[in-house]
């Protein structure tokens, strides 16, 4: 395998054969962006590539955005077209690894629907997670008791499904314990702390957990002060800092989610999160407020 430099100066793909921590979801994105870089370096349009592959331009777009799995036959045709046959072995091996199931997929679609499956895979491979919540404590910061109360209040589910949802949520939190843990920056709207999810005892434990987590070096928690007007829906921005991958903005609604990765879209949300952080109490002030709320719940 020849480690030929990427046309845009990205590290050679070979490094992703040995580096840990890259989920199938992120590997698919990396491969897609590599293929786009090679196509553009070869000065081949998406339309011309689609004609050679006998597919639609939309398929080329999905492949290059990491939204569709890569087949070895398509990989061979594309690399030959782009004059990059020397990468065939590496790309095919990474494509095989990108099809491996993530640990979370064993829970099945009843517990983790396809639209959320992608988010978990992206979150697992991210370097920075910025989130703004208006209804609930972010899932990565929830206690077991709080998560159980949230699961009970969602769509109708059996006791076993509720147990599995809570287990999944708690296991997702393991990524914050990794040596290469991402940085989590959470801004909470004021009503999140006033909503007694699960009752006073559960909420007191949740508040105390936020205080504890806020002291970790890779976690920053801020709360908007009372009366501060903010947008009415949650948003999460994921940053990868690998291979030139774009930021991804995740917008969830009751029956699905939207994923945005165009710079003009994600840039607006990044500025919005910056503004919210400026309006919010500082991390130290937030801890002080959390301690006050915990005392009130005693």
Protein backbone atom coordinates (compact mmCIF):
# COMPACT_ATOMS: atom_id res chain seq x y z
CA UNK A 1 0.00 0.00 0.00
CA UNK A 2 1.38 3.36 -0.98
CA UNK A 3 0.80 6.30 1.30
CA UNK A 4 0.19 8.86 -1.43
CA UNK A 5 -0.63 12.32 0.00
CA UNK A 6 -4.24 13.44 -0.12
CA UNK A 7 -4.95 16.12 -2.76
CA UNK A 8 -6.11 18.47 0.00
CA UNK A 9 -3.23 17.71 2.36
CA UNK A 10 -5.14 15.29 4.61
CA UNK A 11 -3.27 12.41 6.31
CA UNK A 12 -3.06 9.20 4.26
CA UNK A 13 -5.89 6.74 4.81
CA UNK A 14 -3.50 4.07 6.09
CA UNK A 15 -3.45 5.71 9.51
CA UNK A 16 -7.11 4.83 10.05
CA UNK A 17 -6.26 1.13 9.82
CA UNK A 18 -4.43 1.37 13.15
CA UNK A 19 -5.91 4.37 14.98
CA UNK A 20 -8.54 3.41 17.57
CA UNK A 21 -11.78 5.25 18.21
CA UNK A 22 -13.15 5.57 14.70
CA UNK A 23 -16.70 4.31 14.52
CA UNK A 24 -18.17 2.78 11.34
CA UNK A 25 -20.22 5.97 10.93
CA UNK A 26 -17.15 8.23 10.95
CA UNK A 27 -15.11 5.87 8.76
CA UNK A 28 -17.88 6.04 6.15
CA UNK A 29 -17.66 9.84 6.23
CA UNK A 30 -13.86 9.79 5.93
CA UNK A 31 -14.02 7.48 2.91
CA UNK A 32 -16.68 9.62 1.27
CA UNK A 33 -14.64 12.78 1.68
CA UNK A 34 -11.53 11.02 0.37
CA UNK A 35 -13.40 9.98 -2.78
CA UNK A 36 -14.67 13.51 -3.29
CA UNK A 37 -11.15 14.92 -2.87
CA UNK A 38 -9.81 12.45 -5.44
CA UNK A 39 -12.64 13.21 -7.88
CA UNK A 40 -12.12 16.96 -7.63
CA UNK A 41 -8.33 16.58 -7.94
CA UNK A 42 -8.93 14.58 -11.13
CA UNK A 43 -11.24 17.39 -12.32
CA UNK A 44 -14.13 14.99 -12.88
CA UNK A 45 -17.65 16.27 -12.28
CA UNK A 46 -20.17 14.37 -10.19
CA UNK A 47 -22.28 14.04 -13.33
CA UNK A 48 -19.45 12.41 -15.28
CA UNK A 49 -18.69 10.08 -12.36
CA UNK A 50 -22.35 9.05 -12.15
CA UNK A 51 -22.37 8.19 -15.85
CA UNK A 52 -19.35 5.92 -15.47
CA UNK A 53 -20.92 4.23 -12.43
CA UNK A 54 -24.30 4.11 -14.21
CA UNK A 55 -26.04 5.74 -11.27
CA UNK A 56 -27.58 9.07 -10.34
CA UNK A 57 -25.68 12.16 -9.27
CA UNK A 58 -27.61 11.89 -6.02
CA UNK A 59 -25.91 8.57 -5.31
CA UNK A 60 -22.48 10.12 -5.87
CA UNK A 61 -23.44 12.88 -3.44
CA UNK A 62 -24.63 10.37 -0.82
CA UNK A 63 -21.43 8.33 -1.15
CA UNK A 64 -19.24 11.41 -0.81
CA UNK A 65 -21.18 12.68 2.19
CA UNK A 66 -20.85 9.34 3.98
CA UNK A 67 -24.58 8.70 3.84
CA UNK A 68 -24.39 5.42 1.91
CA UNK A 69 -22.16 2.36 2.33
CA UNK A 70 -19.49 1.79 -0.30
CA UNK A 71 -19.48 -1.38 -2.40
CA UNK A 72 -16.12 -2.79 -3.47
CA UNK A 73 -17.18 -2.84 -7.12
CA UNK A 74 -18.01 0.87 -7.03
CA UNK A 75 -14.77 1.63 -5.18
CA UNK A 76 -12.68 -0.09 -7.86
CA UNK A 77 -14.42 1.79 -10.68
CA UNK A 78 -14.14 5.15 -8.91
CA UNK A 79 -10.47 4.81 -7.99
CA UNK A 80 -9.59 3.72 -11.54
CA UNK A 81 -11.52 6.72 -12.89
CA UNK A 82 -9.67 9.07 -10.52
CA UNK A 83 -6.25 7.57 -11.22
CA UNK A 84 -5.90 6.29 -7.65
CA UNK A 85 -5.82 2.52 -8.09
CA UNK A 86 -2.88 2.40 -5.64
CA UNK A 87 -5.40 3.09 -2.83
CA UNK A 88 -7.68 0.17 -3.66
CA UNK A 89 -6.49 -2.18 -0.91
CA UNK A 90 -6.66 0.47 1.82
CA UNK A 91 -10.02 1.89 0.77
CA UNK A 92 -11.60 -1.56 0.46
CA UNK A 93 -10.34 -2.58 3.91
CA UNK A 94 -11.70 0.61 5.48
CA UNK A 95 -14.98 0.13 3.61
CA UNK A 96 -15.27 -3.36 5.11
CA UNK A 97 -14.62 -1.95 8.58
CA UNK A 98 -17.16 0.79 8.02
CA UNK A 99 -19.82 -1.91 7.60
CA UNK A 100 -19.10 -3.45 11.01
CA UNK A 101 -21.85 -3.01 13.55
CA UNK A 102 -21.34 -0.44 16.29
CA UNK A 103 -21.76 -1.69 19.87
CA UNK A 104 -25.07 0.17 20.13
CA UNK A 105 -26.66 -1.62 17.17
CA UNK A 106 -27.29 -4.76 19.23
CA UNK A 107 -30.17 -2.95 20.93
CA UNK A 108 -32.21 -3.06 17.73
CA UNK A 109 -34.42 -0.54 15.97
CA UNK A 110 -37.14 -0.67 18.64
CA UNK A 111 -34.69 0.88 21.12
CA UNK A 112 -32.45 2.87 18.78
CA UNK A 113 -34.20 3.89 15.54
CA UNK A 114 -32.13 4.32 12.39
CA UNK A 115 -32.27 8.12 12.52
CA UNK A 116 -30.78 8.05 16.04
CA UNK A 117 -28.32 5.24 15.27
CA UNK A 118 -26.39 7.67 13.06
CA UNK A 119 -26.20 10.26 15.84
CA UNK A 120 -24.74 7.77 18.31
CA UNK A 121 -22.12 6.71 15.76
CA UNK A 122 -21.16 10.32 15.06
CA UNK A 123 -21.09 11.22 18.74
CA UNK A 124 -18.83 8.25 19.51
CA UNK A 125 -16.29 9.50 16.96
CA UNK A 126 -16.46 13.22 17.74
CA UNK A 127 -13.83 15.40 19.41
CA UNK A 128 -16.13 18.21 20.53
CA UNK A 129 -19.82 18.03 21.44
CA UNK A 130 -21.66 21.31 21.87
CA UNK A 131 -25.30 21.11 22.88
CA UNK A 132 -28.15 23.38 23.92
CA UNK A 133 -31.12 21.82 25.72
CA UNK A 134 -34.48 23.41 26.47
CA UNK A 135 -36.51 20.51 27.93
CA UNK A 136 -34.26 17.93 29.55
CA UNK A 137 -30.74 17.40 30.88
CA UNK A 138 -28.55 16.17 27.99
CA UNK A 139 -28.47 12.39 27.73
CA UNK A 140 -24.70 12.24 28.33
CA UNK A 141 -25.22 13.93 31.72
CA UNK A 142 -28.31 12.11 32.98
CA UNK A 143 -28.36 9.89 36.07
CA UNK A 144 -29.92 6.44 35.83
CA UNK A 145 -32.96 7.54 37.84
CA UNK A 146 -33.51 10.64 35.70
CA UNK A 147 -33.06 8.63 32.48
CA UNK A 148 -35.60 6.08 33.73
CA UNK A 149 -38.15 8.82 34.43
CA UNK A 150 -37.57 10.29 30.96
CA UNK A 151 -37.97 6.88 29.29
CA UNK A 152 -41.22 6.28 31.16
CA UNK A 153 -42.60 9.58 29.92
CA UNK A 154 -41.86 8.97 26.24
CA UNK A 155 -43.72 6.91 23.68
CA UNK A 156 -45.51 3.83 25.12
CA UNK A 157 -42.98 1.08 25.82
CA UNK A 158 -42.76 -2.18 27.72
CA UNK A 159 -40.80 -2.47 30.95
CA UNK A 160 -38.05 -4.33 29.08
CA UNK A 161 -37.84 -1.62 26.40
CA UNK A 162 -37.59 1.07 29.07
CA UNK A 163 -34.81 -0.86 30.80
CA UNK A 164 -32.94 -1.22 27.50
CA UNK A 165 -33.32 2.49 26.69
CA UNK A 166 -31.87 3.44 30.05
CA UNK A 167 -29.02 0.95 29.66
CA UNK A 168 -28.20 2.35 26.22
CA UNK A 169 -28.23 5.91 27.51
CA UNK A 170 -25.90 5.12 30.39
CA UNK A 171 -23.52 3.15 28.20
CA UNK A 172 -23.31 6.08 25.78
CA UNK A 173 -21.88 8.07 28.67
CA UNK A 174 -18.80 5.82 28.69
CA UNK A 175 -17.27 7.93 25.92
CA UNK A 176 -16.73 10.71 28.48
CA UNK A 177 -14.48 8.33 30.47
CA UNK A 178 -12.16 7.41 27.59
CA UNK A 179 -8.54 8.62 27.55
CA UNK A 180 -9.40 10.39 24.28
CA UNK A 181 -12.77 11.61 25.58
CA UNK A 182 -14.41 14.39 23.59
CA UNK A 183 -14.95 17.81 25.11
CA UNK A 184 -18.60 18.29 26.08
CA UNK A 185 -19.93 21.86 26.29
CA UNK A 186 -23.57 21.98 27.37
CA UNK A 187 -25.77 25.05 27.77
CA UNK A 188 -29.10 24.44 29.53
CA UNK A 189 -32.15 26.64 29.42
CA UNK A 190 -33.36 27.68 32.86
CA UNK A 191 -36.61 25.61 32.82
CA UNK A 192 -34.54 22.40 32.47
CA UNK A 193 -33.50 22.79 36.12
CA UNK A 194 -37.00 23.66 37.30
CA UNK A 195 -38.78 20.70 35.73
CA UNK A 196 -39.04 18.01 38.50
CA UNK A 197 -38.46 14.98 36.29
CA UNK A 198 -39.02 11.88 38.42
CA UNK A 199 -39.80 13.92 41.54
CA UNK A 200 -37.76 16.00 43.98
CA UNK A 201 -35.37 13.23 45.07
CA UNK A 202 -34.52 12.20 41.52
CA UNK A 203 -34.08 15.83 40.50
CA UNK A 204 -31.84 16.57 43.49
CA UNK A 205 -29.62 13.64 42.54
CA UNK A 206 -29.52 14.87 38.96
CA UNK A 207 -28.52 18.38 40.01
CA UNK A 208 -25.76 17.02 42.23
CA UNK A 209 -24.55 14.87 39.33
CA UNK A 210 -24.33 17.96 37.12
CA UNK A 211 -22.20 19.66 39.77
CA UNK A 212 -19.85 16.67 39.88
CA UNK A 213 -19.59 16.35 36.10
CA UNK A 214 -18.99 20.08 35.66
CA UNK A 215 -15.71 19.77 37.54
CA UNK A 216 -14.22 17.44 34.95
CA UNK A 217 -11.64 19.02 32.65
CA UNK A 218 -13.40 17.86 29.48
CA UNK A 219 -16.88 19.04 30.51
CA UNK A 220 -18.26 22.57 30.61
CA UNK A 221 -21.82 23.21 31.80
CA UNK A 222 -23.61 26.55 31.69
CA UNK A 223 -27.19 27.55 32.40
CA UNK A 224 -29.10 30.50 31.01
CA UNK A 225 -30.34 32.84 33.74
CA UNK A 226 -34.08 33.25 34.40
CA UNK A 227 -35.83 35.51 31.92
CA UNK A 228 -33.24 34.96 29.19
CA UNK A 229 -35.03 34.42 25.88
CA UNK A 230 -33.51 31.70 23.67
CA UNK A 231 -34.58 29.48 20.79
CA UNK A 232 -37.22 26.93 21.63
CA UNK A 233 -35.62 23.75 20.31
CA UNK A 234 -32.51 21.74 21.23
CA UNK A 235 -29.46 21.60 18.99
CA UNK A 236 -26.23 19.60 19.06
CA UNK A 237 -23.10 20.40 17.06
CA UNK A 238 -20.45 17.71 16.60
CA UNK A 239 -16.85 18.44 15.59
CA UNK A 240 -14.41 15.74 14.47
CA UNK A 241 -11.07 17.46 13.78
CA UNK A 242 -10.04 14.56 11.56
CA UNK A 243 -9.49 14.40 7.82
CA UNK A 244 -11.17 17.73 7.22
CA UNK A 245 -14.59 16.37 8.11
CA UNK A 246 -17.20 19.09 8.47
CA UNK A 247 -19.08 19.92 11.64
CA UNK A 248 -22.45 18.18 11.84
CA UNK A 249 -25.51 19.78 13.42
CA UNK A 250 -28.12 17.40 14.82
CA UNK A 251 -31.71 18.62 15.17
CA UNK A 252 -34.07 16.13 16.76
CA UNK A 253 -37.86 16.08 16.62
CA UNK A 254 -40.33 13.53 18.07
CA UNK A 255 -40.25 11.12 15.12
CA UNK A 256 -36.85 11.73 13.53
CA UNK A 257 -33.93 14.08 13.11
CA UNK A 258 -32.19 16.33 10.61
CA UNK A 259 -28.44 16.30 10.02
CA UNK A 260 -26.80 19.43 8.60
CA UNK A 261 -23.20 19.56 7.37
CA UNK A 262 -23.06 22.45 4.91
CA UNK A 263 -20.70 25.14 6.28
CA UNK A 264 -23.23 27.91 5.72
CA UNK A 265 -25.75 26.01 7.86
CA UNK A 266 -23.48 24.72 10.61
CA UNK A 267 -21.77 28.10 10.82
CA UNK A 268 -25.02 29.79 11.80
CA UNK A 269 -25.65 27.25 14.53
CA UNK A 270 -22.09 27.60 15.81
CA UNK A 271 -22.58 31.35 16.12
CA UNK A 272 -25.90 30.76 17.88
CA UNK A 273 -24.21 28.44 20.39
CA UNK A 274 -21.50 31.06 20.91
CA UNK A 275 -24.15 33.69 21.65
CA UNK A 276 -25.94 31.39 24.09
CA UNK A 277 -22.68 30.72 25.93
CA UNK A 278 -22.11 34.47 26.29
CA UNK A 279 -25.64 34.99 27.65
CA UNK A 280 -25.38 32.04 30.06
CA UNK A 281 -23.93 32.04 33.54
CA UNK A 282 -20.25 31.15 33.63
CA UNK A 283 -19.35 27.56 34.62
CA UNK A 284 -18.46 28.76 38.15
CA UNK A 285 -21.68 30.75 38.45
CA UNK A 286 -23.59 27.76 37.13
CA UNK A 287 -22.16 25.49 39.83
CA UNK A 288 -23.17 28.03 42.45
CA UNK A 289 -26.71 28.12 41.07
CA UNK A 290 -26.86 24.33 40.89
CA UNK A 291 -25.84 24.10 44.56
CA UNK A 292 -28.60 26.56 45.45
CA UNK A 293 -31.21 24.53 43.57
CA UNK A 294 -30.00 21.30 45.21
CA UNK A 295 -30.46 22.85 48.65
CA UNK A 296 -33.99 23.90 47.76
CA UNK A 297 -34.79 20.30 46.82
CA UNK A 298 -33.66 18.87 50.17
